Amino acid sequence: MVSADRILDVIAYRSVADYKRALKPRGIFAMIGGSMGGLLLQFIFIWPILSRFSNKKLGLMGYRPTRKDLEYLNLLFEEGKLIPVIDKSYPLKEVPAAFQYFSEGKIKGKIIINIKDHKV
């Protein structure tokens, strides 16, 4: 498993332990959206106990980005400071296979649908 300095997850359906394991020492995890129910309970009841034995930080964010925020994220991406994790790429004609792969719940990053070579 690749360890990360920072994780910003907008789906967040894994357990607190999974995120903790994926972080490097002094790593930071933040969640925006996702399966707030079960994960929120883990953050309230389990993470305070686990955090006593860790130098990693996990947290929840209630946030609605503005256009300026999104432009800043785009700038970070263009400068190579924000690197998305891409799991698999599929041509447009294989969208059903991409959905099947997604539904298996084993993805480790983004799934890309490539429309570049698609002919209308």
PDB file of N, CA and C in Angstrom:
ATOM      1  N   MET A   1       0.842  -1.184   0.000  1.00  0.00           N
ATOM      2  CA  MET A   1       0.000   0.000   0.000  1.00  0.00           C
ATOM      3  C   MET A   1       0.884   1.243   0.000  1.00  0.00           C
ATOM      4  N   VAL A   2       0.523   2.214  -0.812  1.00  0.00           N
ATOM      5  CA  VAL A   2       1.240   3.468  -0.873  1.00  0.00           C
ATOM      6  C   VAL A   2       0.822   4.336   0.303  1.00  0.00           C
ATOM      7  N   SER A   3       1.794   4.897   0.994  1.00  0.00           N
ATOM      8  CA  SER A   3       1.480   5.804   2.102  1.00  0.00           C
ATOM      9  C   SER A   3       1.437   7.235   1.591  1.00  0.00           C
ATOM     10  N   ALA A   4       0.540   8.019   2.160  1.00  0.00           N
ATOM     11  CA  ALA A   4       0.348   9.386   1.699  1.00  0.00           C
ATOM     12  C   ALA A   4       0.633  10.379   2.816  1.00  0.00           C
ATOM     13  N   ASP A   5       1.132  11.557   2.416  1.00  0.00           N
ATOM     14  CA  ASP A   5       1.318  12.653   3.365  1.00  0.00           C
ATOM     15  C   ASP A   5      -0.026  13.256   3.740  1.00  0.00           C
ATOM     16  N   ARG A   6      -0.899  13.391   2.731  1.00  0.00           N
ATOM     17  CA  ARG A   6      -2.218  13.980   2.935  1.00  0.00           C
ATOM     18  C   ARG A   6      -3.236  13.246   2.074  1.00  0.00           C
ATOM     19  N   ILE A   7      -4.414  13.081   2.620  1.00  0.00           N
ATOM     20  CA  ILE A   7      -5.523  12.492   1.877  1.00  0.00           C
ATOM     21  C   ILE A   7      -6.718  13.422   2.033  1.00  0.00           C
ATOM     22  N   LEU A   8      -7.296  13.839   0.908  1.00  0.00           N
ATOM     23  CA  LEU A   8      -8.545  14.588   0.902  1.00  0.00           C
ATOM     24  C   LEU A   8      -9.536  13.709   0.157  1.00  0.00           C
ATOM     25  N   ASP A   9     -10.511  13.193   0.863  1.00  0.00           N
ATOM     26  CA  ASP A   9     -11.441  12.236   0.270  1.00  0.00           C
ATOM     27  C   ASP A   9     -12.834  12.847   0.194  1.00  0.00           C
ATOM     28  N   VAL A  10     -13.432  12.778  -0.986  1.00  0.00           N
ATOM     29  CA  VAL A  10     -14.765  13.327  -1.166  1.00  0.00           C
ATOM     30  C   VAL A  10     -15.835  12.236  -1.180  1.00  0.00           C
ATOM     31  N   ILE A  11     -15.423  10.993  -1.059  1.00  0.00           N
ATOM     32  CA  ILE A  11     -16.374   9.883  -0.995  1.00  0.00           C
ATOM     33  C   ILE A  11     -16.344   9.268   0.396  1.00  0.00           C
ATOM     34  N   ALA A  12     -15.175   8.966   0.886  1.00  0.00           N
ATOM     35  CA  ALA A  12     -14.940   8.534   2.265  1.00  0.00           C
ATOM     36  C   ALA A  12     -15.867   7.426   2.735  1.00  0.00           C
ATOM     37  N   TYR A  13     -15.703   6.244   2.184  1.00  0.00           N
ATOM     38  CA  TYR A  13     -16.534   5.130   2.614  1.00  0.00           C
ATOM     39  C   TYR A  13     -15.741   4.045   3.347  1.00  0.00           C
ATOM     40  N   ARG A  14     -14.466   4.257   3.549  1.00  0.00           N
ATOM     41  CA  ARG A  14     -13.635   3.279   4.264  1.00  0.00           C
ATOM     42  C   ARG A  14     -13.679   3.556   5.763  1.00  0.00           C
ATOM     43  N   SER A  15     -13.055   2.677   6.540  1.00  0.00           N
ATOM     44  CA  SER A  15     -13.060   2.859   7.990  1.00  0.00           C
ATOM     45  C   SER A  15     -11.948   3.821   8.420  1.00  0.00           C
ATOM     46  N   VAL A  16     -12.058   4.315   9.635  1.00  0.00           N
ATOM     47  CA  VAL A  16     -11.028   5.178  10.205  1.00  0.00           C
ATOM     48  C   VAL A  16      -9.684   4.448  10.198  1.00  0.00           C
ATOM     49  N   ALA A  17      -9.689   3.173  10.531  1.00  0.00           N
ATOM     50  CA  ALA A  17      -8.443   2.386  10.552  1.00  0.00           C
ATOM     51  C   ALA A  17      -7.795   2.322   9.172  1.00  0.00           C
ATOM     52  N   ASP A  18      -8.598   2.212   8.113  1.00  0.00           N
ATOM     53  CA  ASP A  18      -8.047   2.190   6.751  1.00  0.00           C
ATOM     54  C   ASP A  18      -7.327   3.493   6.424  1.00  0.00           C
ATOM     55  N   TYR A  19      -7.953   4.610   6.772  1.00  0.00           N
ATOM     56  CA  TYR A  19      -7.328   5.905   6.494  1.00  0.00           C
ATOM     57  C   TYR A  19      -6.063   6.079   7.327  1.00  0.00           C
ATOM     58  N   LYS A  20      -6.120   5.682   8.557  1.00  0.00           N
ATOM     59  CA  LYS A  20      -4.945   5.789   9.435  1.00  0.00           C
ATOM     60  C   LYS A  20      -3.783   4.968   8.865  1.00  0.00           C
ATOM     61  N   ARG A  21      -4.080   3.768   8.400  1.00  0.00           N
ATOM     62  CA  ARG A  21      -3.059   2.879   7.841  1.00  0.00           C
ATOM     63  C   ARG A  21      -2.464   3.454   6.546  1.00  0.00           C
ATOM     64  N   ALA A  22      -3.256   4.192   5.783  1.00  0.00           N
ATOM     65  CA  ALA A  22      -2.799   4.729   4.491  1.00  0.00           C
ATOM     66  C   ALA A  22      -1.921   5.966   4.632  1.00  0.00           C
ATOM     67  N   LEU A  23      -1.862   6.544   5.818  1.00  0.00           N
ATOM     68  CA  LEU A  23      -1.083   7.769   6.027  1.00  0.00           C
ATOM     69  C   LEU A  23       0.336   7.485   6.491  1.00  0.00           C
ATOM     70  N   LYS A  24       1.255   8.326   6.038  1.00  0.00           N
ATOM     71  CA  LYS A  24       2.616   8.318   6.565  1.00  0.00           C
ATOM     72  C   LYS A  24       2.587   8.899   7.981  1.00  0.00           C
ATOM     73  N   PRO A  25       3.652   8.687   8.773  1.00  0.00           N
ATOM     74  CA  PRO A  25       3.713   9.364  10.078  1.00  0.00           C
ATOM     75  C   PRO A  25       3.545  10.872   9.877  1.00  0.00           C
ATOM     76  N   ARG A  26       2.802  11.498  10.736  1.00  0.00           N
ATOM     77  CA  ARG A  26       2.448  12.908  10.677  1.00  0.00           C
ATOM     78  C   ARG A  26       1.554  13.251   9.480  1.00  0.00           C
ATOM     79  N   GLY A  27       0.960  12.227   8.863  1.00  0.00           N
ATOM     80  CA  GLY A  27       0.051  12.440   7.746  1.00  0.00           C
ATOM     81  C   GLY A  27      -1.266  13.034   8.205  1.00  0.00           C
ATOM     82  N   ILE A  28      -1.994  13.610   7.242  1.00  0.00           N
ATOM     83  CA  ILE A  28      -3.261  14.270   7.543  1.00  0.00           C
ATOM     84  C   ILE A  28      -4.332  13.741   6.595  1.00  0.00           C
ATOM     85  N   PHE A  29      -5.472  13.377   7.162  1.00  0.00           N
ATOM     86  CA  PHE A  29      -6.636  12.945   6.381  1.00  0.00           C
ATOM     87  C   PHE A  29      -7.773  13.923   6.630  1.00  0.00           C
ATOM     88  N   ALA A  30      -8.426  14.361   5.571  1.00  0.00           N
ATOM     89  CA  ALA A  30      -9.617  15.207   5.694  1.00  0.00           C
ATOM     90  C   ALA A  30     -10.688  14.647   4.779  1.00  0.00           C
ATOM     91  N   MET A  31     -11.916  14.722   5.228  1.00  0.00           N
ATOM     92  CA  MET A  31     -13.045  14.176   4.478  1.00  0.00           C
ATOM     93  C   MET A  31     -14.047  15.283   4.213  1.00  0.00           C
ATOM     94  N   ILE A  32     -14.497  15.346   2.970  1.00  0.00           N
ATOM     95  CA  ILE A  32     -15.581  16.258   2.594  1.00  0.00           C
ATOM     96  C   ILE A  32     -16.661  15.386   1.986  1.00  0.00           C
ATOM     97  N   GLY A  33     -17.791  15.276   2.634  1.00  0.00           N
ATOM     98  CA  GLY A  33     -18.881  14.461   2.112  1.00  0.00           C
ATOM     99  C   GLY A  33     -18.648  12.987   2.359  1.00  0.00           C
ATOM    100  N   GLY A  34     -19.319  12.166   1.584  1.00  0.00           N
ATOM    101  CA  GLY A  34     -19.161  10.729   1.722  1.00  0.00           C
ATOM    102  C   GLY A  34     -20.186  10.126   2.655  1.00  0.00           C
ATOM    103  N   SER A  35     -19.889   8.933   3.132  1.00  0.00           N
ATOM    104  CA  SER A  35     -20.810   8.186   3.988  1.00  0.00           C
ATOM    105  C   SER A  35     -20.699   8.681   5.418  1.00  0.00           C
ATOM    106  N   MET A  36     -21.256   9.826   5.652  1.00  0.00           N
ATOM    107  CA  MET A  36     -21.109  10.493   6.946  1.00  0.00           C
ATOM    108  C   MET A  36     -21.632   9.648   8.106  1.00  0.00           C
ATOM    109  N   GLY A  37     -22.631   8.829   7.901  1.00  0.00           N
ATOM    110  CA  GLY A  37     -23.232   8.074   8.986  1.00  0.00           C
ATOM    111  C   GLY A  37     -22.239   7.261   9.792  1.00  0.00           C
ATOM    112  N   GLY A  38     -21.807   6.138   9.254  1.00  0.00           N
ATOM    113  CA  GLY A  38     -20.915   5.243   9.983  1.00  0.00           C
ATOM    114  C   GLY A  38     -19.559   5.851  10.267  1.00  0.00           C
ATOM    115  N   LEU A  39     -19.004   6.545   9.303  1.00  0.00           N
ATOM    116  CA  LEU A  39     -17.682   7.138   9.486  1.00  0.00           C
ATOM    117  C   LEU A  39     -17.724   8.263  10.521  1.00  0.00           C
ATOM    118  N   LEU A  40     -18.794   9.020  10.512  1.00  0.00           N
ATOM    119  CA  LEU A  40     -18.935  10.093  11.498  1.00  0.00           C
ATOM    120  C   LEU A  40     -18.935   9.514  12.918  1.00  0.00           C
ATOM    121  N   LEU A  41     -19.642   8.422  13.115  1.00  0.00           N
ATOM    122  CA  LEU A  41     -19.658   7.772  14.429  1.00  0.00           C
ATOM    123  C   LEU A  41     -18.267   7.282  14.821  1.00  0.00           C
ATOM    124  N   GLN A  42     -17.521   6.745  13.841  1.00  0.00           N
ATOM    125  CA  GLN A  42     -16.149   6.297  14.118  1.00  0.00           C
ATOM    126  C   GLN A  42     -15.279   7.473  14.552  1.00  0.00           C
ATOM    127  N   PHE A  43     -15.440   8.603  13.870  1.00  0.00           N
ATOM    128  CA  PHE A  43     -14.645   9.782  14.227  1.00  0.00           C
ATOM    129  C   PHE A  43     -15.002  10.290  15.619  1.00  0.00           C
ATOM    130  N   ILE A  44     -16.252  10.196  15.983  1.00  0.00           N
ATOM    131  CA  ILE A  44     -16.680  10.691  17.292  1.00  0.00           C
ATOM    132  C   ILE A  44     -16.249   9.748  18.420  1.00  0.00           C
ATOM    133  N   PHE A  45     -16.400   8.437  18.212  1.00  0.00           N
ATOM    134  CA  PHE A  45     -16.192   7.496  19.312  1.00  0.00           C
ATOM    135  C   PHE A  45     -14.882   6.723  19.268  1.00  0.00           C
ATOM    136  N   ILE A  46     -14.383   6.398  18.080  1.00  0.00           N
ATOM    137  CA  ILE A  46     -13.183   5.551  17.979  1.00  0.00           C
ATOM    138  C   ILE A  46     -11.909   6.375  17.817  1.00  0.00           C
ATOM    139  N   TRP A  47     -11.936   7.395  16.927  1.00  0.00           N
ATOM    140  CA  TRP A  47     -10.715   8.139  16.651  1.00  0.00           C
ATOM    141  C   TRP A  47     -10.119   8.816  17.884  1.00  0.00           C
ATOM    142  N   PRO A  48     -10.903   9.373  18.806  1.00  0.00           N
ATOM    143  CA  PRO A  48     -10.285   9.975  19.993  1.00  0.00           C
ATOM    144  C   PRO A  48      -9.420   8.981  20.785  1.00  0.00           C
ATOM    145  N   ILE A  49      -9.823   7.725  20.800  1.00  0.00           N
ATOM    146  CA  ILE A  49      -9.029   6.693  21.486  1.00  0.00           C
ATOM    147  C   ILE A  49      -7.787   6.363  20.674  1.00  0.00           C
ATOM    148  N   LEU A  50      -7.962   6.121  19.354  1.00  0.00           N
ATOM    149  CA  LEU A  50      -6.824   5.764  18.495  1.00  0.00           C
ATOM    150  C   LEU A  50      -5.799   6.891  18.401  1.00  0.00           C
ATOM    151  N   SER A  51      -6.258   8.136  18.447  1.00  0.00           N
ATOM    152  CA  SER A  51      -5.350   9.274  18.261  1.00  0.00           C
ATOM    153  C   SER A  51      -4.333   9.398  19.394  1.00  0.00           C
ATOM    154  N   ARG A  52      -4.636   8.824  20.528  1.00  0.00           N
ATOM    155  CA  ARG A  52      -3.678   8.868  21.643  1.00  0.00           C
ATOM    156  C   ARG A  52      -2.415   8.080  21.339  1.00  0.00           C
ATOM    157  N   PHE A  53      -2.501   7.152  20.382  1.00  0.00           N
ATOM    158  CA  PHE A  53      -1.376   6.290  20.048  1.00  0.00           C
ATOM    159  C   PHE A  53      -0.824   6.588  18.659  1.00  0.00           C
ATOM    160  N   SER A  54      -1.102   7.763  18.125  1.00  0.00           N
ATOM    161  CA  SER A  54      -0.712   8.074  16.749  1.00  0.00           C
ATOM    162  C   SER A  54      -0.360   9.552  16.603  1.00  0.00           C
ATOM    163  N   ASN A  55       0.558   9.823  15.665  1.00  0.00           N
ATOM    164  CA  ASN A  55       0.885  11.208  15.346  1.00  0.00           C
ATOM    165  C   ASN A  55       0.230  11.620  14.026  1.00  0.00           C
ATOM    166  N   LYS A  56      -0.769  10.852  13.581  1.00  0.00           N
ATOM    167  CA  LYS A  56      -1.503  11.152  12.359  1.00  0.00           C
ATOM    168  C   LYS A  56      -2.769  11.918  12.723  1.00  0.00           C
ATOM    169  N   LYS A  57      -3.220  12.769  11.791  1.00  0.00           N
ATOM    170  CA  LYS A  57      -4.399  13.591  12.057  1.00  0.00           C
ATOM    171  C   LYS A  57      -5.506  13.223  11.081  1.00  0.00           C
ATOM    172  N   LEU A  58      -6.683  12.987  11.600  1.00  0.00           N
ATOM    173  CA  LEU A  58      -7.860  12.707  10.794  1.00  0.00           C
ATOM    174  C   LEU A  58      -8.946  13.684  11.199  1.00  0.00           C
ATOM    175  N   GLY A  59      -9.693  14.183  10.225  1.00  0.00           N
ATOM    176  CA  GLY A  59     -10.725  15.147  10.562  1.00  0.00           C
ATOM    177  C   GLY A  59     -11.810  15.247   9.516  1.00  0.00           C
ATOM    178  N   LEU A  60     -12.915  15.840   9.901  1.00  0.00           N
ATOM    179  CA  LEU A  60     -14.058  16.064   9.030  1.00  0.00           C
ATOM    180  C   LEU A  60     -14.131  17.542   8.679  1.00  0.00           C
ATOM    181  N   MET A  61     -14.601  17.833   7.475  1.00  0.00           N
ATOM    182  CA  MET A  61     -14.735  19.219   7.056  1.00  0.00           C
ATOM    183  C   MET A  61     -16.139  19.441   6.502  1.00  0.00           C
ATOM    184  N   GLY A  62     -16.817  20.422   7.009  1.00  0.00           N
ATOM    185  CA  GLY A  62     -18.057  20.861   6.398  1.00  0.00           C
ATOM    186  C   GLY A  62     -17.698  22.040   5.517  1.00  0.00           C
ATOM    187  N   TYR A  63     -17.787  21.888   4.215  1.00  0.00           N
ATOM    188  CA  TYR A  63     -17.215  22.906   3.346  1.00  0.00           C
ATOM    189  C   TYR A  63     -17.965  22.990   2.036  1.00  0.00           C
ATOM    190  N   ARG A  64     -18.225  24.177   1.584  1.00  0.00           N
ATOM    191  CA  ARG A  64     -18.810  24.407   0.263  1.00  0.00           C
ATOM    192  C   ARG A  64     -17.819  25.273  -0.507  1.00  0.00           C
ATOM    193  N   PRO A  65     -17.111  24.698  -1.487  1.00  0.00           N
ATOM    194  CA  PRO A  65     -16.077  25.473  -2.193  1.00  0.00           C
ATOM    195  C   PRO A  65     -16.666  26.592  -3.044  1.00  0.00           C
ATOM    196  N   THR A  66     -15.900  27.694  -3.124  1.00  0.00           N
ATOM    197  CA  THR A  66     -16.257  28.809  -3.996  1.00  0.00           C
ATOM    198  C   THR A  66     -15.487  28.655  -5.304  1.00  0.00           C
ATOM    199  N   ARG A  67     -15.798  29.490  -6.251  1.00  0.00           N
ATOM    200  CA  ARG A  67     -15.073  29.465  -7.525  1.00  0.00           C
ATOM    201  C   ARG A  67     -13.583  29.729  -7.286  1.00  0.00           C
ATOM    202  N   LYS A  68     -13.281  30.663  -6.388  1.00  0.00           N
ATOM    203  CA  LYS A  68     -11.887  30.978  -6.063  1.00  0.00           C
ATOM    204  C   LYS A  68     -11.174  29.747  -5.489  1.00  0.00           C
ATOM    205  N   ASP A  69     -11.860  28.993  -4.633  1.00  0.00           N
ATOM    206  CA  ASP A  69     -11.286  27.774  -4.062  1.00  0.00           C
ATOM    207  C   ASP A  69     -10.965  26.758  -5.154  1.00  0.00           C
ATOM    208  N   LEU A  70     -11.903  26.576  -6.072  1.00  0.00           N
ATOM    209  CA  LEU A  70     -11.707  25.609  -7.148  1.00  0.00           C
ATOM    210  C   LEU A  70     -10.584  26.041  -8.092  1.00  0.00           C
ATOM    211  N   GLU A  71     -10.477  27.340  -8.336  1.00  0.00           N
ATOM    212  CA  GLU A  71      -9.382  27.845  -9.162  1.00  0.00           C
ATOM    213  C   GLU A  71      -8.034  27.596  -8.483  1.00  0.00           C
ATOM    214  N   TYR A  72      -7.992  27.744  -7.157  1.00  0.00           N
ATOM    215  CA  TYR A  72      -6.760  27.472  -6.409  1.00  0.00           C
ATOM    216  C   TYR A  72      -6.398  25.988  -6.496  1.00  0.00           C
ATOM    217  N   LEU A  73      -7.377  25.108  -6.357  1.00  0.00           N
ATOM    218  CA  LEU A  73      -7.113  23.670  -6.500  1.00  0.00           C
ATOM    219  C   LEU A  73      -6.582  23.364  -7.902  1.00  0.00           C
ATOM    220  N   ASN A  74      -7.151  24.004  -8.905  1.00  0.00           N
ATOM    221  CA  ASN A  74      -6.693  23.810 -10.278  1.00  0.00           C
ATOM    222  C   ASN A  74      -5.245  24.272 -10.433  1.00  0.00           C
ATOM    223  N   LEU A  75      -4.909  25.400  -9.831  1.00  0.00           N
ATOM    224  CA  LEU A  75      -3.535  25.901  -9.873  1.00  0.00           C
ATOM    225  C   LEU A  75      -2.574  24.902  -9.231  1.00  0.00           C
ATOM    226  N   LEU A  76      -2.944  24.363  -8.075  1.00  0.00           N
ATOM    227  CA  LEU A  76      -2.098  23.355  -7.410  1.00  0.00           C
ATOM    228  C   LEU A  76      -1.896  22.142  -8.308  1.00  0.00           C
ATOM    229  N   PHE A  77      -2.957  21.730  -8.988  1.00  0.00           N
ATOM    230  CA  PHE A  77      -2.872  20.606  -9.920  1.00  0.00           C
ATOM    231  C   PHE A  77      -1.923  20.929 -11.067  1.00  0.00           C
ATOM    232  N   GLU A  78      -2.076  22.111 -11.660  1.00  0.00           N
ATOM    233  CA  GLU A  78      -1.228  22.507 -12.788  1.00  0.00           C
ATOM    234  C   GLU A  78       0.237  22.622 -12.388  1.00  0.00           C
ATOM    235  N   GLU A  79       0.506  23.011 -11.151  1.00  0.00           N
ATOM    236  CA  GLU A  79       1.889  23.135 -10.665  1.00  0.00           C
ATOM    237  C   GLU A  79       2.468  21.802 -10.208  1.00  0.00           C
ATOM    238  N   GLY A  80       1.671  20.744 -10.273  1.00  0.00           N
ATOM    239  CA  GLY A  80       2.149  19.428  -9.851  1.00  0.00           C
ATOM    240  C   GLY A  80       2.192  19.245  -8.343  1.00  0.00           C
ATOM    241  N   LYS A  81       1.534  20.123  -7.606  1.00  0.00           N
ATOM    242  CA  LYS A  81       1.513  20.022  -6.143  1.00  0.00           C
ATOM    243  C   LYS A  81       0.340  19.191  -5.648  1.00  0.00           C
ATOM    244  N   LEU A  82      -0.636  18.978  -6.493  1.00  0.00           N
ATOM    245  CA  LEU A  82      -1.796  18.159  -6.180  1.00  0.00           C
ATOM    246  C   LEU A  82      -1.864  17.076  -7.240  1.00  0.00           C
ATOM    247  N   ILE A  83      -1.664  15.839  -6.833  1.00  0.00           N
ATOM    248  CA  ILE A  83      -1.571  14.735  -7.787  1.00  0.00           C
ATOM    249  C   ILE A  83      -2.704  13.750  -7.540  1.00  0.00           C
ATOM    250  N   PRO A  84      -3.633  13.637  -8.482  1.00  0.00           N
ATOM    251  CA  PRO A  84      -4.722  12.676  -8.295  1.00  0.00           C
ATOM    252  C   PRO A  84      -4.213  11.250  -8.473  1.00  0.00           C
ATOM    253  N   VAL A  85      -4.821  10.331  -7.763  1.00  0.00           N
ATOM    254  CA  VAL A  85      -4.485   8.921  -7.901  1.00  0.00           C
ATOM    255  C   VAL A  85      -5.453   8.325  -8.910  1.00  0.00           C
ATOM    256  N   ILE A  86      -4.915   7.821 -10.011  1.00  0.00           N
ATOM    257  CA  ILE A  86      -5.745   7.231 -11.059  1.00  0.00           C
ATOM    258  C   ILE A  86      -5.573   5.723 -10.995  1.00  0.00           C
ATOM    259  N   ASP A  87      -6.681   5.032 -10.781  1.00  0.00           N
ATOM    260  CA  ASP A  87      -6.671   3.580 -10.672  1.00  0.00           C
ATOM    261  C   ASP A  87      -6.681   2.944 -12.056  1.00  0.00           C
ATOM    262  N   LYS A  88      -7.696   3.255 -12.856  1.00  0.00           N
ATOM    263  CA  LYS A  88      -7.833   2.667 -14.193  1.00  0.00           C
ATOM    264  C   LYS A  88      -8.417   3.684 -15.159  1.00  0.00           C
ATOM    265  N   SER A  89      -8.170   3.443 -16.421  1.00  0.00           N
ATOM    266  CA  SER A  89      -8.711   4.281 -17.484  1.00  0.00           C
ATOM    267  C   SER A  89      -9.423   3.376 -18.486  1.00  0.00           C
ATOM    268  N   TYR A  90     -10.605   3.800 -18.924  1.00  0.00           N
ATOM    269  CA  TYR A  90     -11.396   3.022 -19.873  1.00  0.00           C
ATOM    270  C   TYR A  90     -11.776   3.899 -21.057  1.00  0.00           C
ATOM    271  N   PRO A  91     -11.812   3.327 -22.276  1.00  0.00           N
ATOM    272  CA  PRO A  91     -12.368   4.084 -23.402  1.00  0.00           C
ATOM    273  C   PRO A  91     -13.887   4.187 -23.219  1.00  0.00           C
ATOM    274  N   LEU A  92     -14.502   5.163 -23.875  1.00  0.00           N
ATOM    275  CA  LEU A  92     -15.924   5.413 -23.724  1.00  0.00           C
ATOM    276  C   LEU A  92     -16.763   4.161 -24.002  1.00  0.00           C
ATOM    277  N   LYS A  93     -16.365   3.373 -24.974  1.00  0.00           N
ATOM    278  CA  LYS A  93     -17.158   2.186 -25.318  1.00  0.00           C
ATOM    279  C   LYS A  93     -17.138   1.117 -24.211  1.00  0.00           C
ATOM    280  N   GLU A  94     -16.265   1.264 -23.213  1.00  0.00           N
ATOM    281  CA  GLU A  94     -16.190   0.288 -22.123  1.00  0.00           C
ATOM    282  C   GLU A  94     -16.726   0.837 -20.799  1.00  0.00           C
ATOM    283  N   VAL A  95     -17.627   1.824 -20.879  1.00  0.00           N
ATOM    284  CA  VAL A  95     -18.220   2.393 -19.662  1.00  0.00           C
ATOM    285  C   VAL A  95     -18.890   1.318 -18.795  1.00  0.00           C
ATOM    286  N   PRO A  96     -19.620   0.353 -19.374  1.00  0.00           N
ATOM    287  CA  PRO A  96     -20.208  -0.689 -18.515  1.00  0.00           C
ATOM    288  C   PRO A  96     -19.137  -1.451 -17.707  1.00  0.00           C
ATOM    289  N   ALA A  97     -17.996  -1.721 -18.307  1.00  0.00           N
ATOM    290  CA  ALA A  97     -16.917  -2.399 -17.579  1.00  0.00           C
ATOM    291  C   ALA A  97     -16.372  -1.513 -16.463  1.00  0.00           C
ATOM    292  N   ALA A  98     -16.309  -0.207 -16.708  1.00  0.00           N
ATOM    293  CA  ALA A  98     -15.837   0.726 -15.685  1.00  0.00           C
ATOM    294  C   ALA A  98     -16.806   0.735 -14.496  1.00  0.00           C
ATOM    295  N   PHE A  99     -18.111   0.746 -14.780  1.00  0.00           N
ATOM    296  CA  PHE A  99     -19.099   0.703 -13.703  1.00  0.00           C
ATOM    297  C   PHE A  99     -19.030  -0.623 -12.950  1.00  0.00           C
ATOM    298  N   GLN A 100     -18.799  -1.698 -13.664  1.00  0.00           N
ATOM    299  CA  GLN A 100     -18.664  -2.995 -13.005  1.00  0.00           C
ATOM    300  C   GLN A 100     -17.467  -2.979 -12.062  1.00  0.00           C
ATOM    301  N   TYR A 101     -16.343  -2.470 -12.531  1.00  0.00           N
ATOM    302  CA  TYR A 101     -15.138  -2.377 -11.693  1.00  0.00           C
ATOM    303  C   TYR A 101     -15.408  -1.508 -10.465  1.00  0.00           C
ATOM    304  N   PHE A 102     -16.072  -0.376 -10.668  1.00  0.00           N
ATOM    305  CA  PHE A 102     -16.409   0.518  -9.564  1.00  0.00           C
ATOM    306  C   PHE A 102     -17.298  -0.186  -8.539  1.00  0.00           C
ATOM    307  N   SER A 103     -18.271  -0.945  -9.028  1.00  0.00           N
ATOM    308  CA  SER A 103     -19.233  -1.596  -8.125  1.00  0.00           C
ATOM    309  C   SER A 103     -18.595  -2.681  -7.269  1.00  0.00           C
ATOM    310  N   GLU A 104     -17.429  -3.177  -7.672  1.00  0.00           N
ATOM    311  CA  GLU A 104     -16.734  -4.200  -6.890  1.00  0.00           C
ATOM    312  C   GLU A 104     -16.133  -3.627  -5.612  1.00  0.00           C
ATOM    313  N   GLY A 105     -16.002  -2.295  -5.548  1.00  0.00           N
ATOM    314  CA  GLY A 105     -15.539  -1.639  -4.329  1.00  0.00           C
ATOM    315  C   GLY A 105     -14.061  -1.805  -4.030  1.00  0.00           C
ATOM    316  N   LYS A 106     -13.262  -2.117  -5.025  1.00  0.00           N
ATOM    317  CA  LYS A 106     -11.830  -2.334  -4.794  1.00  0.00           C
ATOM    318  C   LYS A 106     -10.959  -1.235  -5.401  1.00  0.00           C
ATOM    319  N   ILE A 107     -11.572  -0.132  -5.794  1.00  0.00           N
ATOM    320  CA  ILE A 107     -10.801   0.920  -6.467  1.00  0.00           C
ATOM    321  C   ILE A 107      -9.847   1.599  -5.484  1.00  0.00           C
ATOM    322  N   LYS A 108      -8.722   2.028  -6.005  1.00  0.00           N
ATOM    323  CA  LYS A 108      -7.689   2.685  -5.203  1.00  0.00           C
ATOM    324  C   LYS A 108      -7.444   4.109  -5.664  1.00  0.00           C
ATOM    325  N   GLY A 109      -8.300   4.627  -6.506  1.00  0.00           N
ATOM    326  CA  GLY A 109      -8.143   5.981  -7.021  1.00  0.00           C
ATOM    327  C   GLY A 109      -9.297   6.287  -7.958  1.00  0.00           C
ATOM    328  N   LYS A 110      -9.079   7.225  -8.837  1.00  0.00           N
ATOM    329  CA  LYS A 110     -10.117   7.638  -9.773  1.00  0.00           C
ATOM    330  C   LYS A 110     -10.183   6.678 -10.957  1.00  0.00           C
ATOM    331  N   ILE A 111     -11.373   6.541 -11.503  1.00  0.00           N
ATOM    332  CA  ILE A 111     -11.578   5.792 -12.736  1.00  0.00           C
ATOM    333  C   ILE A 111     -11.821   6.825 -13.828  1.00  0.00           C
ATOM    334  N   ILE A 112     -11.037   6.747 -14.879  1.00  0.00           N
ATOM    335  CA  ILE A 112     -11.107   7.725 -15.968  1.00  0.00           C
ATOM    336  C   ILE A 112     -11.840   7.116 -17.160  1.00  0.00           C
ATOM    337  N   ILE A 113     -12.780   7.871 -17.727  1.00  0.00           N
ATOM    338  CA  ILE A 113     -13.440   7.483 -18.968  1.00  0.00           C
ATOM    339  C   ILE A 113     -12.862   8.375 -20.056  1.00  0.00           C
ATOM    340  N   ASN A 114     -12.152   7.778 -20.989  1.00  0.00           N
ATOM    341  CA  ASN A 114     -11.461   8.519 -22.036  1.00  0.00           C
ATOM    342  C   ASN A 114     -12.375   8.679 -23.245  1.00  0.00           C
ATOM    343  N   ILE A 115     -12.762   9.910 -23.547  1.00  0.00           N
ATOM    344  CA  ILE A 115     -13.607  10.188 -24.710  1.00  0.00           C
ATOM    345  C   ILE A 115     -12.802  10.759 -25.872  1.00  0.00           C
ATOM    346  N   LYS A 116     -11.515  10.901 -25.673  1.00  0.00           N
ATOM    347  CA  LYS A 116     -10.643  11.528 -26.679  1.00  0.00           C
ATOM    348  C   LYS A 116     -10.737  10.844 -28.034  1.00  0.00           C
ATOM    349  N   ASP A 117     -10.732   9.529 -28.074  1.00  0.00           N
ATOM    350  CA  ASP A 117     -10.736   8.800 -29.345  1.00  0.00           C
ATOM    351  C   ASP A 117     -12.110   8.345 -29.770  1.00  0.00           C
ATOM    352  N   HIS A 118     -13.148   8.805 -29.076  1.00  0.00           N
ATOM    353  CA  HIS A 118     -14.517   8.397 -29.400  1.00  0.00           C
ATOM    354  C   HIS A 118     -15.002   9.139 -30.644  1.00  0.00           C
ATOM    355  N   LYS A 119     -15.610   8.394 -31.552  1.00  0.00           N
ATOM    356  CA  LYS A 119     -16.156   8.994 -32.768  1.00  0.00           C
ATOM    357  C   LYS A 119     -17.665   9.012 -32.669  1.00  0.00           C
ATOM    358  N   VAL A 120     -18.235  10.168 -32.971  1.00  0.00           N
ATOM    359  CA  VAL A 120     -19.701  10.329 -32.880  1.00  0.00           C
ATOM    360  C   VAL A 120     -20.357   9.895 -34.154  1.00  0.00           C
TER     361      VAL A 120
END
